[in-house]
Amino acid sequence: MVCTLRSLRFQIVEPGRRTRTIEIITILTDADEFSREDIAQLYGFRWNSELDIRSIMSNMHLARVRCKSPEMVHREIWTTILGYNLFRTTAAGAALLHDKQPRRISSTSTCQ
């Protein structure tokens, strides 16, 4: 099977940090339909989703479910996600009060 890929290189510039270069390889090859900016935005969404999943698994102790039946596992997962969303909503409120980005508010600061 032959697959056509598209390679895009981006500079990540964050104040106070070194500039990083990332390369995104995608199957979204139509540049008219998917601009560089679209691909960068999609990558940003994906990256944040992966960070959220990692955070849920580690901070909310979901790396190992404790329930045994499928119904209770389902409940445990949804309850944990509900708790995480409440936690992130609190962080977003704190970020708004202090004029910061919600992802810049630490877990410890949110709890305090």
PDB file of N, CA and C in Angstrom:
ATOM      1  N   MET A   1       0.841  -1.182   0.000  1.00  0.00           N
ATOM      2  CA  MET A   1       0.000   0.000   0.000  1.00  0.00           C
ATOM      3  C   MET A   1       0.884   1.242   0.000  1.00  0.00           C
ATOM      4  N   VAL A   2       0.606   2.161  -0.888  1.00  0.00           N
ATOM      5  CA  VAL A   2       1.358   3.402  -0.989  1.00  0.00           C
ATOM      6  C   VAL A   2       0.510   4.519  -0.391  1.00  0.00           C
ATOM      7  N   CYS A   3       1.143   5.331   0.428  1.00  0.00           N
ATOM      8  CA  CYS A   3       0.431   6.425   1.086  1.00  0.00           C
ATOM      9  C   CYS A   3       1.215   7.717   0.865  1.00  0.00           C
ATOM     10  N   THR A   4       0.517   8.758   0.409  1.00  0.00           N
ATOM     11  CA  THR A   4       1.150  10.047   0.218  1.00  0.00           C
ATOM     12  C   THR A   4       1.082  10.825   1.524  1.00  0.00           C
ATOM     13  N   LEU A   5       2.202  11.390   1.913  1.00  0.00           N
ATOM     14  CA  LEU A   5       2.277  12.147   3.158  1.00  0.00           C
ATOM     15  C   LEU A   5       2.673  13.583   2.875  1.00  0.00           C
ATOM     16  N   ARG A   6       2.353  14.427   3.799  1.00  0.00           N
ATOM     17  CA  ARG A   6       2.718  15.848   3.726  1.00  0.00           C
ATOM     18  C   ARG A   6       3.530  16.180   4.968  1.00  0.00           C
ATOM     19  N   SER A   7       4.631  16.863   4.776  1.00  0.00           N
ATOM     20  CA  SER A   7       5.516  17.224   5.882  1.00  0.00           C
ATOM     21  C   SER A   7       5.498  18.746   6.061  1.00  0.00           C
ATOM     22  N   LEU A   8       5.260  19.181   7.282  1.00  0.00           N
ATOM     23  CA  LEU A   8       5.242  20.612   7.602  1.00  0.00           C
ATOM     24  C   LEU A   8       6.170  20.857   8.789  1.00  0.00           C
ATOM     25  N   ARG A   9       6.950  21.894   8.687  1.00  0.00           N
ATOM     26  CA  ARG A   9       7.882  22.241   9.761  1.00  0.00           C
ATOM     27  C   ARG A   9       7.444  23.573  10.378  1.00  0.00           C
ATOM     28  N   PHE A  10       7.404  23.606  11.719  1.00  0.00           N
ATOM     29  CA  PHE A  10       6.963  24.796  12.438  1.00  0.00           C
ATOM     30  C   PHE A  10       7.989  25.194  13.493  1.00  0.00           C
ATOM     31  N   GLN A  11       8.086  26.486  13.730  1.00  0.00           N
ATOM     32  CA  GLN A  11       8.890  27.021  14.830  1.00  0.00           C
ATOM     33  C   GLN A  11       7.940  27.311  15.988  1.00  0.00           C
ATOM     34  N   ILE A  12       8.231  26.769  17.153  1.00  0.00           N
ATOM     35  CA  ILE A  12       7.443  27.038  18.357  1.00  0.00           C
ATOM     36  C   ILE A  12       8.191  28.087  19.158  1.00  0.00           C
ATOM     37  N   VAL A  13       7.607  29.265  19.246  1.00  0.00           N
ATOM     38  CA  VAL A  13       8.242  30.375  19.945  1.00  0.00           C
ATOM     39  C   VAL A  13       7.425  30.674  21.205  1.00  0.00           C
ATOM     40  N   GLU A  14       8.051  30.509  22.366  1.00  0.00           N
ATOM     41  CA  GLU A  14       7.421  30.823  23.641  1.00  0.00           C
ATOM     42  C   GLU A  14       8.328  31.796  24.377  1.00  0.00           C
ATOM     43  N   PRO A  15       7.768  32.916  24.846  1.00  0.00           N
ATOM     44  CA  PRO A  15       8.596  33.889  25.568  1.00  0.00           C
ATOM     45  C   PRO A  15       9.306  33.246  26.759  1.00  0.00           C
ATOM     46  N   GLY A  16      10.590  33.515  26.880  1.00  0.00           N
ATOM     47  CA  GLY A  16      11.368  32.977  27.992  1.00  0.00           C
ATOM     48  C   GLY A  16      11.863  31.557  27.785  1.00  0.00           C
ATOM     49  N   ARG A  17      11.597  30.972  26.637  1.00  0.00           N
ATOM     50  CA  ARG A  17      12.049  29.605  26.354  1.00  0.00           C
ATOM     51  C   ARG A  17      12.757  29.580  25.005  1.00  0.00           C
ATOM     52  N   ARG A  18      13.529  28.521  24.821  1.00  0.00           N
ATOM     53  CA  ARG A  18      14.196  28.359  23.536  1.00  0.00           C
ATOM     54  C   ARG A  18      13.170  28.062  22.441  1.00  0.00           C
ATOM     55  N   THR A  19      13.445  28.568  21.251  1.00  0.00           N
ATOM     56  CA  THR A  19      12.590  28.270  20.105  1.00  0.00           C
ATOM     57  C   THR A  19      12.815  26.821  19.698  1.00  0.00           C
ATOM     58  N   ARG A  20      11.718  26.106  19.503  1.00  0.00           N
ATOM     59  CA  ARG A  20      11.801  24.701  19.106  1.00  0.00           C
ATOM     60  C   ARG A  20      11.260  24.542  17.700  1.00  0.00           C
ATOM     61  N   THR A  21      11.780  23.579  17.003  1.00  0.00           N
ATOM     62  CA  THR A  21      11.281  23.234  15.676  1.00  0.00           C
ATOM     63  C   THR A  21      10.615  21.877  15.760  1.00  0.00           C
ATOM     64  N   ILE A  22       9.380  21.809  15.263  1.00  0.00           N
ATOM     65  CA  ILE A  22       8.695  20.515  15.204  1.00  0.00           C
ATOM     66  C   ILE A  22       8.332  20.242  13.755  1.00  0.00           C
ATOM     67  N   GLU A  23       8.241  18.980  13.439  1.00  0.00           N
ATOM     68  CA  GLU A  23       7.836  18.573  12.097  1.00  0.00           C
ATOM     69  C   GLU A  23       6.593  17.711  12.243  1.00  0.00           C
ATOM     70  N   ILE A  24       5.573  18.065  11.490  1.00  0.00           N
ATOM     71  CA  ILE A  24       4.322  17.321  11.511  1.00  0.00           C
ATOM     72  C   ILE A  24       4.191  16.590  10.182  1.00  0.00           C
ATOM     73  N   ILE A  25       3.990  15.302  10.271  1.00  0.00           N
ATOM     74  CA  ILE A  25       3.762  14.467   9.091  1.00  0.00           C
ATOM     75  C   ILE A  25       2.287  14.091   9.108  1.00  0.00           C
ATOM     76  N   THR A  26       1.594  14.349   8.013  1.00  0.00           N
ATOM     77  CA  THR A  26       0.154  14.108   7.978  1.00  0.00           C
ATOM     78  C   THR A  26      -0.269  13.502   6.648  1.00  0.00           C
ATOM     79  N   ILE A  27      -1.446  12.880   6.672  1.00  0.00           N
ATOM     80  CA  ILE A  27      -2.031  12.375   5.429  1.00  0.00           C
ATOM     81  C   ILE A  27      -2.971  13.414   4.825  1.00  0.00           C
ATOM     82  N   LEU A  28      -3.141  14.554   5.479  1.00  0.00           N
ATOM     83  CA  LEU A  28      -3.960  15.647   4.941  1.00  0.00           C
ATOM     84  C   LEU A  28      -3.121  16.416   3.925  1.00  0.00           C
ATOM     85  N   THR A  29      -3.113  15.919   2.696  1.00  0.00           N
ATOM     86  CA  THR A  29      -2.170  16.414   1.689  1.00  0.00           C
ATOM     87  C   THR A  29      -2.691  17.598   0.877  1.00  0.00           C
ATOM     88  N   ASP A  30      -3.983  17.838   0.872  1.00  0.00           N
ATOM     89  CA  ASP A  30      -4.558  18.915   0.064  1.00  0.00           C
ATOM     90  C   ASP A  30      -4.339  20.258   0.757  1.00  0.00           C
ATOM     91  N   ALA A  31      -3.364  21.016   0.283  1.00  0.00           N
ATOM     92  CA  ALA A  31      -3.005  22.298   0.902  1.00  0.00           C
ATOM     93  C   ALA A  31      -4.117  23.338   0.741  1.00  0.00           C
ATOM     94  N   ASP A  32      -4.957  23.201  -0.279  1.00  0.00           N
ATOM     95  CA  ASP A  32      -6.068  24.141  -0.445  1.00  0.00           C
ATOM     96  C   ASP A  32      -7.149  23.903   0.610  1.00  0.00           C
ATOM     97  N   GLU A  33      -7.362  22.642   0.949  1.00  0.00           N
ATOM     98  CA  GLU A  33      -8.387  22.307   1.944  1.00  0.00           C
ATOM     99  C   GLU A  33      -7.854  22.421   3.373  1.00  0.00           C
ATOM    100  N   PHE A  34      -6.587  22.056   3.580  1.00  0.00           N
ATOM    101  CA  PHE A  34      -5.975  22.087   4.915  1.00  0.00           C
ATOM    102  C   PHE A  34      -4.725  22.951   4.869  1.00  0.00           C
ATOM    103  N   SER A  35      -4.857  24.200   5.260  1.00  0.00           N
ATOM    104  CA  SER A  35      -3.721  25.129   5.226  1.00  0.00           C
ATOM    105  C   SER A  35      -2.727  24.782   6.332  1.00  0.00           C
ATOM    106  N   ARG A  36      -1.559  25.398   6.265  1.00  0.00           N
ATOM    107  CA  ARG A  36      -0.551  25.218   7.323  1.00  0.00           C
ATOM    108  C   ARG A  36      -1.144  25.598   8.677  1.00  0.00           C
ATOM    109  N   GLU A  37      -1.912  26.682   8.698  1.00  0.00           N
ATOM    110  CA  GLU A  37      -2.513  27.158   9.947  1.00  0.00           C
ATOM    111  C   GLU A  37      -3.533  26.149  10.486  1.00  0.00           C
ATOM    112  N   ASP A  38      -4.315  25.542   9.579  1.00  0.00           N
ATOM    113  CA  ASP A  38      -5.278  24.516   9.997  1.00  0.00           C
ATOM    114  C   ASP A  38      -4.564  23.332  10.642  1.00  0.00           C
ATOM    115  N   ILE A  39      -3.487  22.881   9.992  1.00  0.00           N
ATOM    116  CA  ILE A  39      -2.722  21.740  10.513  1.00  0.00           C
ATOM    117  C   ILE A  39      -2.121  22.089  11.873  1.00  0.00           C
ATOM    118  N   ALA A  40      -1.565  23.286  12.007  1.00  0.00           N
ATOM    119  CA  ALA A  40      -0.973  23.710  13.281  1.00  0.00           C
ATOM    120  C   ALA A  40      -2.040  23.751  14.374  1.00  0.00           C
ATOM    121  N   GLN A  41      -3.229  24.260  14.035  1.00  0.00           N
ATOM    122  CA  GLN A  41      -4.308  24.326  15.023  1.00  0.00           C
ATOM    123  C   GLN A  41      -4.756  22.917  15.430  1.00  0.00           C
ATOM    124  N   LEU A  42      -4.905  22.018  14.456  1.00  0.00           N
ATOM    125  CA  LEU A  42      -5.290  20.643  14.766  1.00  0.00           C
ATOM    126  C   LEU A  42      -4.241  19.970  15.654  1.00  0.00           C
ATOM    127  N   TYR A  43      -2.964  20.211  15.356  1.00  0.00           N
ATOM    128  CA  TYR A  43      -1.893  19.638  16.171  1.00  0.00           C
ATOM    129  C   TYR A  43      -1.971  20.167  17.602  1.00  0.00           C
ATOM    130  N   GLY A  44      -2.244  21.465  17.745  1.00  0.00           N
ATOM    131  CA  GLY A  44      -2.387  22.054  19.080  1.00  0.00           C
ATOM    132  C   GLY A  44      -3.524  21.419  19.857  1.00  0.00           C
ATOM    133  N   PHE A  45      -4.660  21.195  19.186  1.00  0.00           N
ATOM    134  CA  PHE A  45      -5.791  20.532  19.843  1.00  0.00           C
ATOM    135  C   PHE A  45      -5.409  19.125  20.275  1.00  0.00           C
ATOM    136  N   ARG A  46      -4.727  18.412  19.381  1.00  0.00           N
ATOM    137  CA  ARG A  46      -4.333  17.039  19.702  1.00  0.00           C
ATOM    138  C   ARG A  46      -3.368  17.019  20.886  1.00  0.00           C
ATOM    139  N   TRP A  47      -2.400  17.924  20.872  1.00  0.00           N
ATOM    140  CA  TRP A  47      -1.421  17.983  21.944  1.00  0.00           C
ATOM    141  C   TRP A  47      -2.110  18.251  23.286  1.00  0.00           C
ATOM    142  N   ASN A  48      -3.023  19.199  23.321  1.00  0.00           N
ATOM    143  CA  ASN A  48      -3.739  19.494  24.554  1.00  0.00           C
ATOM    144  C   ASN A  48      -4.590  18.312  25.006  1.00  0.00           C
ATOM    145  N   SER A  49      -5.192  17.596  24.060  1.00  0.00           N
ATOM    146  CA  SER A  49      -5.973  16.405  24.408  1.00  0.00           C
ATOM    147  C   SER A  49      -5.083  15.347  25.044  1.00  0.00           C
ATOM    148  N   GLU A  50      -3.904  15.149  24.485  1.00  0.00           N
ATOM    149  CA  GLU A  50      -2.986  14.161  25.056  1.00  0.00           C
ATOM    150  C   GLU A  50      -2.534  14.568  26.453  1.00  0.00           C
ATOM    151  N   LEU A  51      -2.289  15.860  26.662  1.00  0.00           N
ATOM    152  CA  LEU A  51      -1.922  16.336  28.002  1.00  0.00           C
ATOM    153  C   LEU A  51      -3.070  16.115  28.979  1.00  0.00           C
ATOM    154  N   ASP A  52      -4.311  16.362  28.529  1.00  0.00           N
ATOM    155  CA  ASP A  52      -5.466  16.156  29.396  1.00  0.00           C
ATOM    156  C   ASP A  52      -5.619  14.686  29.778  1.00  0.00           C
ATOM    157  N   ILE A  53      -5.444  13.803  28.808  1.00  0.00           N
ATOM    158  CA  ILE A  53      -5.556  12.367  29.086  1.00  0.00           C
ATOM    159  C   ILE A  53      -4.477  11.942  30.082  1.00  0.00           C
ATOM    160  N   ARG A  54      -3.252  12.424  29.877  1.00  0.00           N
ATOM    161  CA  ARG A  54      -2.169  12.095  30.821  1.00  0.00           C
ATOM    162  C   ARG A  54      -2.495  12.620  32.215  1.00  0.00           C
ATOM    163  N   SER A  55      -3.027  13.825  32.275  1.00  0.00           N
ATOM    164  CA  SER A  55      -3.380  14.423  33.551  1.00  0.00           C
ATOM    165  C   SER A  55      -4.496  13.644  34.249  1.00  0.00           C
ATOM    166  N   ILE A  56      -5.503  13.252  33.492  1.00  0.00           N
ATOM    167  CA  ILE A  56      -6.596  12.467  34.071  1.00  0.00           C
ATOM    168  C   ILE A  56      -6.058  11.162  34.638  1.00  0.00           C
ATOM    169  N   MET A  57      -5.201  10.499  33.874  1.00  0.00           N
ATOM    170  CA  MET A  57      -4.698   9.204  34.325  1.00  0.00           C
ATOM    171  C   MET A  57      -3.798   9.323  35.550  1.00  0.00           C
ATOM    172  N   SER A  58      -2.971  10.368  35.603  1.00  0.00           N
ATOM    173  CA  SER A  58      -2.045  10.468  36.734  1.00  0.00           C
ATOM    174  C   SER A  58      -2.652  11.217  37.914  1.00  0.00           C
ATOM    175  N   ASN A  59      -3.166  12.424  37.689  1.00  0.00           N
ATOM    176  CA  ASN A  59      -3.688  13.227  38.797  1.00  0.00           C
ATOM    177  C   ASN A  59      -4.981  12.688  39.376  1.00  0.00           C
ATOM    178  N   MET A  60      -5.798  12.090  38.536  1.00  0.00           N
ATOM    179  CA  MET A  60      -7.089  11.583  38.998  1.00  0.00           C
ATOM    180  C   MET A  60      -7.031  10.075  39.287  1.00  0.00           C
ATOM    181  N   HIS A  61      -5.834   9.517  39.240  1.00  0.00           N
ATOM    182  CA  HIS A  61      -5.598   8.108  39.601  1.00  0.00           C
ATOM    183  C   HIS A  61      -6.455   7.143  38.774  1.00  0.00           C
ATOM    184  N   LEU A  62      -6.479   7.373  37.472  1.00  0.00           N
ATOM    185  CA  LEU A  62      -7.245   6.501  36.592  1.00  0.00           C
ATOM    186  C   LEU A  62      -6.343   5.566  35.789  1.00  0.00           C
ATOM    187  N   ALA A  63      -5.068   5.513  36.146  1.00  0.00           N
ATOM    188  CA  ALA A  63      -4.157   4.619  35.440  1.00  0.00           C
ATOM    189  C   ALA A  63      -4.581   3.160  35.633  1.00  0.00           C
ATOM    190  N   ARG A  64      -5.222   2.893  36.754  1.00  0.00           N
ATOM    191  CA  ARG A  64      -5.721   1.543  37.025  1.00  0.00           C
ATOM    192  C   ARG A  64      -7.126   1.676  37.608  1.00  0.00           C
ATOM    193  N   VAL A  65      -8.107   1.113  36.913  1.00  0.00           N
ATOM    194  CA  VAL A  65      -9.470   1.163  37.438  1.00  0.00           C
ATOM    195  C   VAL A  65      -9.625   0.113  38.538  1.00  0.00           C
ATOM    196  N   ARG A  66     -10.440   0.428  39.513  1.00  0.00           N
ATOM    197  CA  ARG A  66     -10.606  -0.452  40.664  1.00  0.00           C
ATOM    198  C   ARG A  66     -11.841  -1.348  40.556  1.00  0.00           C
ATOM    199  N   CYS A  67     -12.783  -0.964  39.719  1.00  0.00           N
ATOM    200  CA  CYS A  67     -14.018  -1.731  39.593  1.00  0.00           C
ATOM    201  C   CYS A  67     -13.811  -2.964  38.721  1.00  0.00           C
ATOM    202  N   LYS A  68     -14.726  -3.910  38.864  1.00  0.00           N
ATOM    203  CA  LYS A  68     -14.578  -5.168  38.136  1.00  0.00           C
ATOM    204  C   LYS A  68     -15.600  -5.332  37.012  1.00  0.00           C
ATOM    205  N   SER A  69     -16.846  -4.963  37.251  1.00  0.00           N
ATOM    206  CA  SER A  69     -17.865  -5.166  36.215  1.00  0.00           C
ATOM    207  C   SER A  69     -17.775  -4.046  35.175  1.00  0.00           C
ATOM    208  N   PRO A  70     -18.130  -4.358  33.926  1.00  0.00           N
ATOM    209  CA  PRO A  70     -18.077  -3.330  32.879  1.00  0.00           C
ATOM    210  C   PRO A  70     -18.911  -2.091  33.220  1.00  0.00           C
ATOM    211  N   GLU A  71     -20.072  -2.294  33.812  1.00  0.00           N
ATOM    212  CA  GLU A  71     -20.932  -1.165  34.179  1.00  0.00           C
ATOM    213  C   GLU A  71     -20.249  -0.254  35.198  1.00  0.00           C
ATOM    214  N   MET A  72     -19.613  -0.841  36.202  1.00  0.00           N
ATOM    215  CA  MET A  72     -18.957  -0.037  37.229  1.00  0.00           C
ATOM    216  C   MET A  72     -17.677   0.621  36.706  1.00  0.00           C
ATOM    217  N   VAL A  73     -16.962  -0.047  35.804  1.00  0.00           N
ATOM    218  CA  VAL A  73     -15.784   0.570  35.169  1.00  0.00           C
ATOM    219  C   VAL A  73     -16.236   1.799  34.392  1.00  0.00           C
ATOM    220  N   HIS A  74     -17.325   1.657  33.658  1.00  0.00           N
ATOM    221  CA  HIS A  74     -17.887   2.775  32.902  1.00  0.00           C
ATOM    222  C   HIS A  74     -18.222   3.931  33.844  1.00  0.00           C
ATOM    223  N   ARG A  75     -18.871   3.645  34.958  1.00  0.00           N
ATOM    224  CA  ARG A  75     -19.207   4.681  35.941  1.00  0.00           C
ATOM    225  C   ARG A  75     -17.953   5.326  36.529  1.00  0.00           C
ATOM    226  N   GLU A  76     -16.965   4.508  36.844  1.00  0.00           N
ATOM    227  CA  GLU A  76     -15.728   5.048  37.423  1.00  0.00           C
ATOM    228  C   GLU A  76     -15.044   6.011  36.452  1.00  0.00           C
ATOM    229  N   ILE A  77     -14.996   5.626  35.200  1.00  0.00           N
ATOM    230  CA  ILE A  77     -14.357   6.487  34.197  1.00  0.00           C
ATOM    231  C   ILE A  77     -15.126   7.795  34.058  1.00  0.00           C
ATOM    232  N   TRP A  78     -16.453   7.717  33.905  1.00  0.00           N
ATOM    233  CA  TRP A  78     -17.246   8.935  33.733  1.00  0.00           C
ATOM    234  C   TRP A  78     -17.225   9.821  34.976  1.00  0.00           C
ATOM    235  N   THR A  79     -17.222   9.220  36.154  1.00  0.00           N
ATOM    236  CA  THR A  79     -17.144  10.006  37.387  1.00  0.00           C
ATOM    237  C   THR A  79     -15.806  10.718  37.480  1.00  0.00           C
ATOM    238  N   THR A  80     -14.748  10.042  37.099  1.00  0.00           N
ATOM    239  CA  THR A  80     -13.416  10.654  37.111  1.00  0.00           C
ATOM    240  C   THR A  80     -13.342  11.806  36.116  1.00  0.00           C
ATOM    241  N   ILE A  81     -13.900  11.610  34.923  1.00  0.00           N
ATOM    242  CA  ILE A  81     -13.893  12.684  33.925  1.00  0.00           C
ATOM    243  C   ILE A  81     -14.732  13.867  34.404  1.00  0.00           C
ATOM    244  N   LEU A  82     -15.853  13.602  35.056  1.00  0.00           N
ATOM    245  CA  LEU A  82     -16.665  14.679  35.629  1.00  0.00           C
ATOM    246  C   LEU A  82     -15.854  15.460  36.665  1.00  0.00           C
ATOM    247  N   GLY A  83     -15.179  14.749  37.559  1.00  0.00           N
ATOM    248  CA  GLY A  83     -14.332  15.408  38.562  1.00  0.00           C
ATOM    249  C   GLY A  83     -13.236  16.226  37.916  1.00  0.00           C
ATOM    250  N   TYR A  84     -12.624  15.682  36.870  1.00  0.00           N
ATOM    251  CA  TYR A  84     -11.562  16.400  36.167  1.00  0.00           C
ATOM    252  C   TYR A  84     -12.106  17.679  35.535  1.00  0.00           C
ATOM    253  N   ASN A  85     -13.292  17.583  34.910  1.00  0.00           N
ATOM    254  CA  ASN A  85     -13.887  18.769  34.295  1.00  0.00           C
ATOM    255  C   ASN A  85     -14.222  19.835  35.342  1.00  0.00           C
ATOM    256  N   LEU A  86     -14.695  19.433  36.492  1.00  0.00           N
ATOM    257  CA  LEU A  86     -14.951  20.395  37.571  1.00  0.00           C
ATOM    258  C   LEU A  86     -13.653  21.044  38.031  1.00  0.00           C
ATOM    259  N   PHE A  87     -12.612  20.237  38.133  1.00  0.00           N
ATOM    260  CA  PHE A  87     -11.294  20.730  38.526  1.00  0.00           C
ATOM    261  C   PHE A  87     -10.771  21.744  37.506  1.00  0.00           C
ATOM    262  N   ARG A  88     -10.875  21.416  36.205  1.00  0.00           N
ATOM    263  CA  ARG A  88     -10.392  22.321  35.160  1.00  0.00           C
ATOM    264  C   ARG A  88     -11.246  23.593  35.085  1.00  0.00           C
ATOM    265  N   THR A  89     -12.544  23.482  35.379  1.00  0.00           N
ATOM    266  CA  THR A  89     -13.404  24.662  35.418  1.00  0.00           C
ATOM    267  C   THR A  89     -12.958  25.601  36.524  1.00  0.00           C
ATOM    268  N   THR A  90     -12.595  25.037  37.674  1.00  0.00           N
ATOM    269  CA  THR A  90     -12.066  25.848  38.779  1.00  0.00           C
ATOM    270  C   THR A  90     -10.763  26.522  38.370  1.00  0.00           C
ATOM    271  N   ALA A  91      -9.897  25.785  37.685  1.00  0.00           N
ATOM    272  CA  ALA A  91      -8.628  26.357  37.207  1.00  0.00           C
ATOM    273  C   ALA A  91      -8.893  27.480  36.209  1.00  0.00           C
ATOM    274  N   ALA A  92      -9.883  27.302  35.339  1.00  0.00           N
ATOM    275  CA  ALA A  92     -10.212  28.344  34.359  1.00  0.00           C
ATOM    276  C   ALA A  92     -10.717  29.601  35.062  1.00  0.00           C
ATOM    277  N   GLY A  93     -11.513  29.416  36.124  1.00  0.00           N
ATOM    278  CA  GLY A  93     -11.980  30.563  36.902  1.00  0.00           C
ATOM    279  C   GLY A  93     -10.833  31.295  37.572  1.00  0.00           C
ATOM    280  N   ALA A  94      -9.895  30.539  38.136  1.00  0.00           N
ATOM    281  CA  ALA A  94      -8.718  31.145  38.775  1.00  0.00           C
ATOM    282  C   ALA A  94      -7.868  31.872  37.737  1.00  0.00           C
ATOM    283  N   ALA A  95      -7.729  31.283  36.564  1.00  0.00           N
ATOM    284  CA  ALA A  95      -6.944  31.920  35.502  1.00  0.00           C
ATOM    285  C   ALA A  95      -7.581  33.236  35.078  1.00  0.00           C
ATOM    286  N   LEU A  96      -8.894  33.251  34.995  1.00  0.00           N
ATOM    287  CA  LEU A  96      -9.603  34.466  34.625  1.00  0.00           C
ATOM    288  C   LEU A  96      -9.390  35.565  35.663  1.00  0.00           C
ATOM    289  N   LEU A  97      -9.460  35.183  36.941  1.00  0.00           N
ATOM    290  CA  LEU A  97      -9.245  36.159  38.026  1.00  0.00           C
ATOM    291  C   LEU A  97      -7.848  36.757  38.008  1.00  0.00           C
ATOM    292  N   HIS A  98      -6.867  35.952  37.631  1.00  0.00           N
ATOM    293  CA  HIS A  98      -5.463  36.384  37.684  1.00  0.00           C
ATOM    294  C   HIS A  98      -4.889  36.714  36.306  1.00  0.00           C
ATOM    295  N   ASP A  99      -5.767  36.804  35.293  1.00  0.00           N
ATOM    296  CA  ASP A  99      -5.370  37.183  33.942  1.00  0.00           C
ATOM    297  C   ASP A  99      -4.262  36.282  33.400  1.00  0.00           C
ATOM    298  N   LYS A 100      -4.473  34.964  33.511  1.00  0.00           N
ATOM    299  CA  LYS A 100      -3.521  33.978  32.998  1.00  0.00           C
ATOM    300  C   LYS A 100      -4.248  32.990  32.109  1.00  0.00           C
ATOM    301  N   GLN A 101      -3.488  32.221  31.353  1.00  0.00           N
ATOM    302  CA  GLN A 101      -4.051  31.146  30.546  1.00  0.00           C
ATOM    303  C   GLN A 101      -4.421  29.984  31.471  1.00  0.00           C
ATOM    304  N   PRO A 102      -5.592  29.338  31.270  1.00  0.00           N
ATOM    305  CA  PRO A 102      -6.001  28.231  32.149  1.00  0.00           C
ATOM    306  C   PRO A 102      -4.977  27.101  32.254  1.00  0.00           C
ATOM    307  N   ARG A 103      -4.263  26.812  31.178  1.00  0.00           N
ATOM    308  CA  ARG A 103      -3.277  25.728  31.227  1.00  0.00           C
ATOM    309  C   ARG A 103      -2.025  26.123  31.988  1.00  0.00           C
ATOM    310  N   ARG A 104      -1.892  27.403  32.352  1.00  0.00           N
ATOM    311  CA  ARG A 104      -0.747  27.879  33.130  1.00  0.00           C
ATOM    312  C   ARG A 104      -1.007  27.820  34.635  1.00  0.00           C
ATOM    313  N   ILE A 105      -2.223  27.451  35.024  1.00  0.00           N
ATOM    314  CA  ILE A 105      -2.556  27.340  36.444  1.00  0.00           C
ATOM    315  C   ILE A 105      -2.247  25.916  36.884  1.00  0.00           C
ATOM    316  N   SER A 106      -1.426  25.764  37.881  1.00  0.00           N
ATOM    317  CA  SER A 106      -1.006  24.428  38.327  1.00  0.00           C
ATOM    318  C   SER A 106      -2.104  23.746  39.132  1.00  0.00           C
ATOM    319  N   SER A 107      -1.986  22.444  39.262  1.00  0.00           N
ATOM    320  CA  SER A 107      -2.934  21.668  40.063  1.00  0.00           C
ATOM    321  C   SER A 107      -2.919  22.140  41.509  1.00  0.00           C
ATOM    322  N   THR A 108      -1.736  22.389  42.033  1.00  0.00           N
ATOM    323  CA  THR A 108      -1.613  22.843  43.416  1.00  0.00           C
ATOM    324  C   THR A 108      -2.313  24.191  43.606  1.00  0.00           C
ATOM    325  N   SER A 109      -2.091  25.117  42.672  1.00  0.00           N
ATOM    326  CA  SER A 109      -2.735  26.431  42.755  1.00  0.00           C
ATOM    327  C   SER A 109      -4.257  26.301  42.666  1.00  0.00           C
ATOM    328  N   THR A 110      -4.722  25.399  41.824  1.00  0.00           N
ATOM    329  CA  THR A 110      -6.162  25.202  41.694  1.00  0.00           C
ATOM    330  C   THR A 110      -6.763  24.699  43.003  1.00  0.00           C
ATOM    331  N   CYS A 111      -6.088  23.750  43.638  1.00  0.00           N
ATOM    332  CA  CYS A 111      -6.581  23.214  44.916  1.00  0.00           C
ATOM    333  C   CYS A 111      -6.584  24.286  46.010  1.00  0.00           C
ATOM    334  N   GLN A 112      -5.583  25.154  45.997  1.00  0.00           N
ATOM    335  CA  GLN A 112      -5.503  26.210  47.016  1.00  0.00           C
ATOM    336  C   GLN A 112      -6.569  27.250  46.778  1.00  0.00           C
TER     337      GLN A 112
END
